[in-house]
Amino acid sequence: MFRAAILVCFLLAAACTSRRASVVSPRRTVVLTDSVLRCGGSDTVRFGRLHSGEVGVSRLWFENRTSRPVVIVSVTRSCGCTSLSYDAAPIRSGEVRAVEVSFDSRGEFGWQFKRVDLFFAGFAQPFRLFAEADVE
């Protein structure tokens, strides 16, 4: 009886959570230079094919090749299905820092192309990350 109760609890918990799919790719580094930060830059995170309800997660690294520390001061998103996790501490010159981009496919179908804008202190132009996925 006890085992059956544990099994039921496990199945209920599994049914209530969304599936998480990590995108495994070689280490991707985005190089931040004075030119990129002044004029704006972009990169695309491709999550590939996701089933409806899956959450794709991908890690990128930002390498600071400027002569001063850079700080992410704000992030804007084109929809609530994308998010960005990052450390708000300054990225010193020569340092590399990881960020995680996620895409929640719940309620999405077909080809998706979403935008996440990162704003760095002292620069007006955002760095744009695009999240691309094909949701079945």
Protein backbone atom coordinates (compact mmCIF):
# COMPACT_ATOMS: atom_id res chain seq x y z
CA MET A 1 0.00 0.00 0.00
CA PHE A 2 2.82 2.38 0.92
CA ARG A 3 4.57 1.76 -2.44
CA ALA A 4 1.34 2.44 -4.32
CA ALA A 5 0.93 5.77 -2.49
CA ILE A 6 4.49 6.80 -3.36
CA LEU A 7 3.93 5.83 -7.00
CA VAL A 8 0.72 7.89 -7.17
CA CYS A 9 2.50 10.93 -5.63
CA PHE A 10 5.36 10.56 -8.12
CA LEU A 11 3.00 10.35 -11.10
CA LEU A 12 1.01 13.39 -9.93
CA ALA A 13 4.19 15.42 -9.47
CA ALA A 14 5.47 14.40 -12.91
CA ALA A 15 2.18 15.36 -14.55
CA CYS A 16 2.24 18.85 -12.99
CA THR A 17 5.71 19.87 -14.14
CA SER A 18 6.74 20.93 -17.60
CA ARG A 19 9.41 18.99 -19.38
CA ARG A 20 12.83 20.62 -19.51
CA ALA A 21 15.03 20.08 -22.54
CA SER A 22 18.59 21.33 -22.40
CA VAL A 23 20.15 22.18 -25.72
CA VAL A 24 23.55 20.55 -25.78
CA SER A 25 25.96 22.39 -28.00
CA PRO A 26 29.64 23.17 -27.97
CA ARG A 27 30.60 26.08 -25.77
CA ARG A 28 29.31 29.19 -27.51
CA THR A 29 31.08 32.40 -26.70
CA VAL A 30 29.74 35.84 -27.60
CA VAL A 31 32.59 38.35 -27.75
CA LEU A 32 31.73 41.79 -26.42
CA THR A 33 33.85 44.54 -27.99
CA ASP A 34 33.51 48.33 -27.86
CA SER A 35 32.09 48.24 -31.39
CA VAL A 36 29.51 45.55 -30.58
CA LEU A 37 28.37 47.38 -27.47
CA ARG A 38 28.28 50.79 -29.17
CA CYS A 39 26.48 49.68 -32.36
CA GLY A 40 24.56 46.69 -31.05
CA GLY A 41 25.02 43.06 -31.92
CA SER A 42 23.03 39.86 -32.10
CA ASP A 43 23.18 36.10 -31.90
CA THR A 44 20.63 33.30 -32.31
CA VAL A 45 20.03 30.43 -29.91
CA ARG A 46 18.52 27.52 -31.81
CA PHE A 47 16.53 25.15 -29.62
CA GLY A 48 15.63 22.87 -32.51
CA ARG A 49 12.47 20.78 -32.31
CA LEU A 50 10.59 20.89 -29.02
CA HIS A 51 7.38 19.17 -28.02
CA SER A 52 4.64 21.47 -26.75
CA GLY A 53 5.20 21.95 -23.03
CA GLU A 54 8.97 21.49 -23.11
CA VAL A 55 11.26 24.21 -21.81
CA GLY A 56 14.46 24.58 -23.82
CA VAL A 57 17.52 25.86 -21.96
CA SER A 58 20.81 26.88 -23.52
CA ARG A 59 23.95 28.37 -21.99
CA LEU A 60 26.06 31.06 -23.65
CA TRP A 61 29.22 32.74 -22.46
CA PHE A 62 29.93 36.46 -22.81
CA GLU A 63 33.60 37.37 -23.12
CA ASN A 64 34.47 40.98 -22.33
CA ARG A 65 37.15 42.21 -24.76
CA THR A 66 36.68 45.87 -23.91
CA SER A 67 39.08 47.87 -21.75
CA ARG A 68 36.55 48.28 -18.91
CA PRO A 69 34.01 46.20 -16.99
CA VAL A 70 30.56 45.75 -18.57
CA VAL A 71 27.30 45.26 -16.70
CA ILE A 72 23.94 43.98 -17.87
CA VAL A 73 21.53 46.58 -16.46
CA SER A 74 18.24 45.38 -17.94
CA VAL A 75 16.63 42.79 -20.15
CA THR A 76 13.49 43.11 -22.29
CA ARG A 77 11.68 40.22 -23.98
CA SER A 78 9.33 40.00 -26.93
CA CYS A 79 7.14 37.57 -24.98
CA GLY A 80 6.86 35.91 -21.61
CA CYS A 81 7.91 32.55 -23.05
CA THR A 82 11.60 33.53 -23.01
CA SER A 83 13.82 34.31 -20.06
CA LEU A 84 17.44 35.07 -19.35
CA SER A 85 19.30 34.11 -16.18
CA TYR A 86 22.51 36.03 -15.54
CA ASP A 87 24.80 37.31 -12.83
CA ALA A 88 24.35 41.07 -12.36
CA ALA A 89 27.96 41.55 -11.25
CA PRO A 90 30.26 43.40 -13.68
CA ILE A 91 32.11 41.32 -16.24
CA ARG A 92 35.71 42.51 -15.98
CA SER A 93 37.92 42.99 -19.01
CA GLY A 94 39.14 39.58 -20.19
CA GLU A 95 36.56 37.72 -18.09
CA VAL A 96 34.03 35.22 -19.44
CA ARG A 97 30.57 34.90 -17.83
CA ALA A 98 27.76 32.42 -18.50
CA VAL A 99 24.11 33.31 -19.12
CA GLU A 100 21.19 30.92 -19.61
CA VAL A 101 18.50 31.51 -22.20
CA SER A 102 15.26 29.56 -21.85
CA PHE A 103 12.23 29.14 -24.06
CA ASP A 104 8.97 27.75 -22.65
CA SER A 105 6.99 26.14 -25.48
CA ARG A 106 3.70 25.85 -23.57
CA GLY A 107 0.96 27.34 -25.74
CA GLU A 108 3.29 27.77 -28.73
CA PHE A 109 3.05 25.80 -31.98
CA GLY A 110 5.03 25.81 -35.20
CA TRP A 111 8.16 27.84 -35.90
CA GLN A 112 8.93 30.38 -33.16
CA PHE A 113 11.36 33.29 -33.30
CA LYS A 114 11.51 35.35 -30.11
CA ARG A 115 13.75 38.24 -29.03
CA VAL A 116 15.59 39.02 -25.79
CA ASP A 117 17.36 42.41 -25.60
CA LEU A 118 20.24 42.89 -23.17
CA PHE A 119 21.14 46.46 -22.23
CA PHE A 120 24.64 47.17 -20.94
CA ALA A 121 25.51 50.14 -18.71
CA GLY A 122 26.73 53.13 -20.72
CA PHE A 123 25.50 51.85 -24.10
CA ALA A 124 22.20 52.77 -25.77
CA GLN A 125 22.01 49.91 -28.28
CA PRO A 126 20.92 46.49 -27.00
CA PHE A 127 22.60 43.20 -27.71
CA ARG A 128 19.85 41.05 -29.23
CA LEU A 129 19.52 37.36 -28.58
CA PHE A 130 17.01 35.53 -30.74
CA ALA A 131 15.45 32.27 -29.58
CA GLU A 132 14.38 29.98 -32.40
CA ALA A 133 12.42 26.74 -32.01
CA ASP A 134 10.09 24.46 -33.94
CA VAL A 135 7.30 23.40 -31.58
CA GLU A 136 5.27 20.26 -32.31
